[in-house]
PDB file of N, CA and C in Angstrom:
ATOM      1  N   MET A   1      11.596 -16.380 -35.999  1.00  0.00           N
ATOM      2  CA  MET A   1      12.652 -15.806 -35.178  1.00  0.00           C
ATOM      3  C   MET A   1      12.325 -16.037 -33.704  1.00  0.00           C
ATOM      4  N   ALA A   2      13.296 -16.404 -32.927  1.00  0.00           N
ATOM      5  CA  ALA A   2      13.100 -16.710 -31.505  1.00  0.00           C
ATOM      6  C   ALA A   2      12.542 -15.524 -30.735  1.00  0.00           C
ATOM      7  N   ASN A   3      12.989 -14.324 -31.031  1.00  0.00           N
ATOM      8  CA  ASN A   3      12.504 -13.143 -30.318  1.00  0.00           C
ATOM      9  C   ASN A   3      11.018 -12.936 -30.526  1.00  0.00           C
ATOM     10  N   ASP A   4      10.508 -13.155 -31.759  1.00  0.00           N
ATOM     11  CA  ASP A   4       9.087 -12.988 -32.027  1.00  0.00           C
ATOM     12  C   ASP A   4       8.265 -13.959 -31.196  1.00  0.00           C
ATOM     13  N   ILE A   5       8.719 -15.189 -31.094  1.00  0.00           N
ATOM     14  CA  ILE A   5       8.014 -16.193 -30.296  1.00  0.00           C
ATOM     15  C   ILE A   5       8.042 -15.813 -28.821  1.00  0.00           C
ATOM     16  N   ALA A   6       9.176 -15.346 -28.333  1.00  0.00           N
ATOM     17  CA  ALA A   6       9.311 -14.969 -26.922  1.00  0.00           C
ATOM     18  C   ALA A   6       8.398 -13.808 -26.559  1.00  0.00           C
ATOM     19  N   LEU A   7       8.098 -12.930 -27.504  1.00  0.00           N
ATOM     20  CA  LEU A   7       7.298 -11.738 -27.224  1.00  0.00           C
ATOM     21  C   LEU A   7       5.796 -12.008 -27.218  1.00  0.00           C
ATOM     22  N   GLN A   8       5.370 -13.145 -27.740  1.00  0.00           N
ATOM     23  CA  GLN A   8       3.949 -13.466 -27.756  1.00  0.00           C
ATOM     24  C   GLN A   8       3.425 -13.555 -26.330  1.00  0.00           C
ATOM     25  N   GLY A   9       2.393 -12.804 -26.029  1.00  0.00           N
ATOM     26  CA  GLY A   9       1.796 -12.812 -24.698  1.00  0.00           C
ATOM     27  C   GLY A   9       2.595 -12.099 -23.631  1.00  0.00           C
ATOM     28  N   ALA A  10       3.605 -11.329 -24.028  1.00  0.00           N
ATOM     29  CA  ALA A  10       4.437 -10.614 -23.051  1.00  0.00           C
ATOM     30  C   ALA A  10       3.590  -9.623 -22.256  1.00  0.00           C
ATOM     31  N   GLN A  11       3.867  -9.522 -20.976  1.00  0.00           N
ATOM     32  CA  GLN A  11       3.205  -8.569 -20.076  1.00  0.00           C
ATOM     33  C   GLN A  11       4.103  -7.338 -19.950  1.00  0.00           C
ATOM     34  N   TRP A  12       3.825  -6.298 -20.731  1.00  0.00           N
ATOM     35  CA  TRP A  12       4.661  -5.107 -20.767  1.00  0.00           C
ATOM     36  C   TRP A  12       4.320  -4.184 -19.603  1.00  0.00           C
ATOM     37  N   ARG A  13       5.340  -3.520 -19.080  1.00  0.00           N
ATOM     38  CA  ARG A  13       5.133  -2.505 -18.047  1.00  0.00           C
ATOM     39  C   ARG A  13       6.069  -1.333 -18.324  1.00  0.00           C
ATOM     40  N   LYS A  14       5.572  -0.146 -18.053  1.00  0.00           N
ATOM     41  CA  LYS A  14       6.359   1.058 -18.306  1.00  0.00           C
ATOM     42  C   LYS A  14       7.363   1.267 -17.186  1.00  0.00           C
ATOM     43  N   SER A  15       8.535   1.694 -17.558  1.00  0.00           N
ATOM     44  CA  SER A  15       9.571   1.984 -16.583  1.00  0.00           C
ATOM     45  C   SER A  15       9.117   3.095 -15.646  1.00  0.00           C
ATOM     46  N   SER A  16       9.419   2.941 -14.368  1.00  0.00           N
ATOM     47  CA  SER A  16       9.081   3.986 -13.404  1.00  0.00           C
ATOM     48  C   SER A  16       9.918   5.239 -13.633  1.00  0.00           C
ATOM     49  N   ARG A  17      10.977   5.125 -14.425  1.00  0.00           N
ATOM     50  CA  ARG A  17      11.850   6.259 -14.716  1.00  0.00           C
ATOM     51  C   ARG A  17      11.443   7.002 -15.992  1.00  0.00           C
ATOM     52  N   SER A  18      10.444   6.503 -16.703  1.00  0.00           N
ATOM     53  CA  SER A  18       9.994   7.172 -17.923  1.00  0.00           C
ATOM     54  C   SER A  18       9.245   8.450 -17.578  1.00  0.00           C
ATOM     55  N   ASN A  19       9.382   9.438 -18.442  1.00  0.00           N
ATOM     56  CA  ASN A  19       8.641  10.683 -18.251  1.00  0.00           C
ATOM     57  C   ASN A  19       7.153  10.402 -18.396  1.00  0.00           C
ATOM     58  N   ALA A  20       6.353  10.854 -17.466  1.00  0.00           N
ATOM     59  CA  ALA A  20       4.900  10.698 -17.567  1.00  0.00           C
ATOM     60  C   ALA A  20       4.399  11.550 -18.729  1.00  0.00           C
ATOM     61  N   GLY A  21       3.992  10.888 -19.802  1.00  0.00           N
ATOM     62  CA  GLY A  21       3.494  11.596 -20.967  1.00  0.00           C
ATOM     63  C   GLY A  21       4.569  12.265 -21.801  1.00  0.00           C
ATOM     64  N   GLY A  22       5.832  12.058 -21.446  1.00  0.00           N
ATOM     65  CA  GLY A  22       6.930  12.711 -22.157  1.00  0.00           C
ATOM     66  C   GLY A  22       7.458  11.880 -23.308  1.00  0.00           C
ATOM     67  N   ALA A  23       8.573  12.292 -23.837  1.00  0.00           N
ATOM     68  CA  ALA A  23       9.136  11.657 -25.025  1.00  0.00           C
ATOM     69  C   ALA A  23       9.977  10.427 -24.705  1.00  0.00           C
ATOM     70  N   GLN A  24      10.347  10.216 -23.466  1.00  0.00           N
ATOM     71  CA  GLN A  24      11.251   9.116 -23.122  1.00  0.00           C
ATOM     72  C   GLN A  24      10.489   8.001 -22.418  1.00  0.00           C
ATOM     73  N   CYS A  25       9.755   7.207 -23.179  1.00  0.00           N
ATOM     74  CA  CYS A  25       8.941   6.144 -22.597  1.00  0.00           C
ATOM     75  C   CYS A  25       9.483   4.783 -23.006  1.00  0.00           C
ATOM     76  N   VAL A  26       9.801   3.986 -22.015  1.00  0.00           N
ATOM     77  CA  VAL A  26      10.353   2.658 -22.233  1.00  0.00           C
ATOM     78  C   VAL A  26       9.477   1.657 -21.499  1.00  0.00           C
ATOM     79  N   GLU A  27       9.240   0.503 -22.132  1.00  0.00           N
ATOM     80  CA  GLU A  27       8.517  -0.582 -21.487  1.00  0.00           C
ATOM     81  C   GLU A  27       9.408  -1.815 -21.477  1.00  0.00           C
ATOM     82  N   ILE A  28       9.251  -2.623 -20.441  1.00  0.00           N
ATOM     83  CA  ILE A  28       9.997  -3.880 -20.378  1.00  0.00           C
ATOM     84  C   ILE A  28       9.019  -5.012 -20.105  1.00  0.00           C
ATOM     85  N   ALA A  29       9.443  -6.211 -20.470  1.00  0.00           N
ATOM     86  CA  ALA A  29       8.666  -7.416 -20.191  1.00  0.00           C
ATOM     87  C   ALA A  29       9.635  -8.548 -19.889  1.00  0.00           C
ATOM     88  N   ASP A  30       9.281  -9.341 -18.901  1.00  0.00           N
ATOM     89  CA  ASP A  30      10.045 -10.552 -18.631  1.00  0.00           C
ATOM     90  C   ASP A  30       9.550 -11.609 -19.612  1.00  0.00           C
ATOM     91  N   VAL A  31      10.451 -12.154 -20.399  1.00  0.00           N
ATOM     92  CA  VAL A  31      10.096 -13.208 -21.346  1.00  0.00           C
ATOM     93  C   VAL A  31      10.974 -14.420 -21.043  1.00  0.00           C
ATOM     94  N   GLY A  32      10.609 -15.561 -21.538  1.00  0.00           N
ATOM     95  CA  GLY A  32      11.295 -16.796 -21.197  1.00  0.00           C
ATOM     96  C   GLY A  32      12.792 -16.790 -21.430  1.00  0.00           C
ATOM     97  N   ILE A  33      13.257 -16.018 -22.405  1.00  0.00           N
ATOM     98  CA  ILE A  33      14.685 -16.029 -22.732  1.00  0.00           C
ATOM     99  C   ILE A  33      15.433 -14.820 -22.187  1.00  0.00           C
ATOM    100  N   GLY A  34      14.751 -13.940 -21.460  1.00  0.00           N
ATOM    101  CA  GLY A  34      15.418 -12.769 -20.903  1.00  0.00           C
ATOM    102  C   GLY A  34      14.456 -11.614 -20.699  1.00  0.00           C
ATOM    103  N   ALA A  35      14.947 -10.408 -20.914  1.00  0.00           N
ATOM    104  CA  ALA A  35      14.163  -9.189 -20.743  1.00  0.00           C
ATOM    105  C   ALA A  35      13.995  -8.508 -22.097  1.00  0.00           C
ATOM    106  N   ALA A  36      12.763  -8.138 -22.416  1.00  0.00           N
ATOM    107  CA  ALA A  36      12.469  -7.436 -23.659  1.00  0.00           C
ATOM    108  C   ALA A  36      12.257  -5.958 -23.352  1.00  0.00           C
ATOM    109  N   VAL A  37      12.714  -5.106 -24.249  1.00  0.00           N
ATOM    110  CA  VAL A  37      12.614  -3.656 -24.086  1.00  0.00           C
ATOM    111  C   VAL A  37      12.044  -3.079 -25.374  1.00  0.00           C
ATOM    112  N   ARG A  38      11.095  -2.148 -25.250  1.00  0.00           N
ATOM    113  CA  ARG A  38      10.524  -1.493 -26.434  1.00  0.00           C
ATOM    114  C   ARG A  38      10.152  -0.054 -26.121  1.00  0.00           C
ATOM    115  N   ASP A  39       9.916   0.712 -27.172  1.00  0.00           N
ATOM    116  CA  ASP A  39       9.451   2.092 -27.077  1.00  0.00           C
ATOM    117  C   ASP A  39       7.942   2.048 -26.880  1.00  0.00           C
ATOM    118  N   SER A  40       7.435   2.581 -25.782  1.00  0.00           N
ATOM    119  CA  SER A  40       5.998   2.494 -25.497  1.00  0.00           C
ATOM    120  C   SER A  40       5.154   3.272 -26.496  1.00  0.00           C
ATOM    121  N   LYS A  41       5.742   4.238 -27.179  1.00  0.00           N
ATOM    122  CA  LYS A  41       4.989   5.012 -28.174  1.00  0.00           C
ATOM    123  C   LYS A  41       4.848   4.243 -29.481  1.00  0.00           C
ATOM    124  N   ASN A  42       5.578   3.136 -29.621  1.00  0.00           N
ATOM    125  CA  ASN A  42       5.538   2.328 -30.835  1.00  0.00           C
ATOM    126  C   ASN A  42       5.405   0.857 -30.439  1.00  0.00           C
ATOM    127  N   ALA A  43       4.282   0.522 -29.784  1.00  0.00           N
ATOM    128  CA  ALA A  43       4.094  -0.815 -29.225  1.00  0.00           C
ATOM    129  C   ALA A  43       4.130  -1.916 -30.283  1.00  0.00           C
ATOM    130  N   SER A  44       3.780  -1.603 -31.504  1.00  0.00           N
ATOM    131  CA  SER A  44       3.810  -2.626 -32.557  1.00  0.00           C
ATOM    132  C   SER A  44       5.156  -2.650 -33.279  1.00  0.00           C
ATOM    133  N   GLY A  45       6.067  -1.782 -32.877  1.00  0.00           N
ATOM    134  CA  GLY A  45       7.385  -1.715 -33.491  1.00  0.00           C
ATOM    135  C   GLY A  45       8.320  -2.757 -32.910  1.00  0.00           C
ATOM    136  N   PRO A  46       9.603  -2.649 -33.220  1.00  0.00           N
ATOM    137  CA  PRO A  46      10.576  -3.655 -32.770  1.00  0.00           C
ATOM    138  C   PRO A  46      10.827  -3.598 -31.270  1.00  0.00           C
ATOM    139  N   ALA A  47      11.254  -4.717 -30.750  1.00  0.00           N
ATOM    140  CA  ALA A  47      11.677  -4.816 -29.349  1.00  0.00           C
ATOM    141  C   ALA A  47      13.023  -5.525 -29.332  1.00  0.00           C
ATOM    142  N   SER A  48      13.825  -5.192 -28.367  1.00  0.00           N
ATOM    143  CA  SER A  48      15.113  -5.855 -28.181  1.00  0.00           C
ATOM    144  C   SER A  48      14.991  -6.813 -27.010  1.00  0.00           C
ATOM    145  N   VAL A  49      15.549  -8.006 -27.173  1.00  0.00           N
ATOM    146  CA  VAL A  49      15.525  -9.003 -26.110  1.00  0.00           C
ATOM    147  C   VAL A  49      16.957  -9.264 -25.653  1.00  0.00           C
ATOM    148  N   PHE A  50      17.162  -9.162 -24.349  1.00  0.00           N
ATOM    149  CA  PHE A  50      18.487  -9.328 -23.763  1.00  0.00           C
ATOM    150  C   PHE A  50      18.511 -10.544 -22.844  1.00  0.00           C
ATOM    151  N   PRO A  51      19.575 -11.349 -22.903  1.00  0.00           N
ATOM    152  CA  PRO A  51      19.699 -12.460 -21.955  1.00  0.00           C
ATOM    153  C   PRO A  51      19.759 -11.918 -20.529  1.00  0.00           C
ATOM    154  N   PRO A  52      19.341 -12.721 -19.548  1.00  0.00           N
ATOM    155  CA  PRO A  52      19.317 -12.236 -18.162  1.00  0.00           C
ATOM    156  C   PRO A  52      20.648 -11.647 -17.689  1.00  0.00           C
ATOM    157  N   SER A  53      21.761 -12.272 -18.031  1.00  0.00           N
ATOM    158  CA  SER A  53      23.061 -11.764 -17.552  1.00  0.00           C
ATOM    159  C   SER A  53      23.369 -10.391 -18.138  1.00  0.00           C
ATOM    160  N   ALA A  54      23.061 -10.183 -19.407  1.00  0.00           N
ATOM    161  CA  ALA A  54      23.322  -8.891 -20.051  1.00  0.00           C
ATOM    162  C   ALA A  54      22.423  -7.804 -19.470  1.00  0.00           C
ATOM    163  N   PHE A  55      21.151  -8.121 -19.245  1.00  0.00           N
ATOM    164  CA  PHE A  55      20.234  -7.120 -18.697  1.00  0.00           C
ATOM    165  C   PHE A  55      20.601  -6.807 -17.253  1.00  0.00           C
ATOM    166  N   GLY A  56      21.016  -7.820 -16.497  1.00  0.00           N
ATOM    167  CA  GLY A  56      21.463  -7.595 -15.122  1.00  0.00           C
ATOM    168  C   GLY A  56      22.679  -6.688 -15.073  1.00  0.00           C
ATOM    169  N   SER A  57      23.626  -6.885 -15.973  1.00  0.00           N
ATOM    170  CA  SER A  57      24.804  -6.018 -16.045  1.00  0.00           C
ATOM    171  C   SER A  57      24.425  -4.597 -16.405  1.00  0.00           C
ATOM    172  N   PHE A  58      23.473  -4.451 -17.327  1.00  0.00           N
ATOM    173  CA  PHE A  58      22.982  -3.135 -17.727  1.00  0.00           C
ATOM    174  C   PHE A  58      22.378  -2.409 -16.521  1.00  0.00           C
ATOM    175  N   LEU A  59      21.516  -3.092 -15.774  1.00  0.00           N
ATOM    176  CA  LEU A  59      20.887  -2.470 -14.604  1.00  0.00           C
ATOM    177  C   LEU A  59      21.912  -2.114 -13.540  1.00  0.00           C
ATOM    178  N   ALA A  60      22.889  -2.984 -13.326  1.00  0.00           N
ATOM    179  CA  ALA A  60      23.942  -2.700 -12.354  1.00  0.00           C
ATOM    180  C   ALA A  60      24.725  -1.451 -12.750  1.00  0.00           C
ATOM    181  N   GLY A  61      24.988  -1.300 -14.037  1.00  0.00           N
ATOM    182  CA  GLY A  61      25.681  -0.114 -14.521  1.00  0.00           C
ATOM    183  C   GLY A  61      24.886   1.160 -14.312  1.00  0.00           C
ATOM    184  N   LEU A  62      23.568   1.074 -14.508  1.00  0.00           N
ATOM    185  CA  LEU A  62      22.713   2.238 -14.265  1.00  0.00           C
ATOM    186  C   LEU A  62      22.735   2.646 -12.793  1.00  0.00           C
ATOM    187  N   LYS A  63      22.718   1.664 -11.937  1.00  0.00           N
ATOM    188  CA  LYS A  63      22.711   1.955 -10.501  1.00  0.00           C
ATOM    189  C   LYS A  63      24.019   2.575 -10.035  1.00  0.00           C
ATOM    190  N   ARG A  64      25.131   2.180 -10.674  1.00  0.00           N
ATOM    191  CA  ARG A  64      26.435   2.753 -10.320  1.00  0.00           C
ATOM    192  C   ARG A  64      26.522   4.220 -10.742  1.00  0.00           C
ATOM    193  N   ASP A  65      25.929   4.517 -11.891  1.00  0.00           N
ATOM    194  CA  ASP A  65      26.027   5.894 -12.422  1.00  0.00           C
ATOM    195  C   ASP A  65      24.892   6.680 -11.907  1.00  0.00           C
TER     196      ASP A  65
END
């Protein structure tokens, strides 16, 4: 699967908006095909990969709200 290959060697970082030690922890990584997002409490679990345009639209929407 393309997503599995893209995630190999990903440099994950925790969102600055995540609760410190709380239940809402999100990590993102820039990967060759876009932005990957995962639950930091389940690092070996699934991650979602979004194309750059979709992730950019998502971030723009967050900033508006």
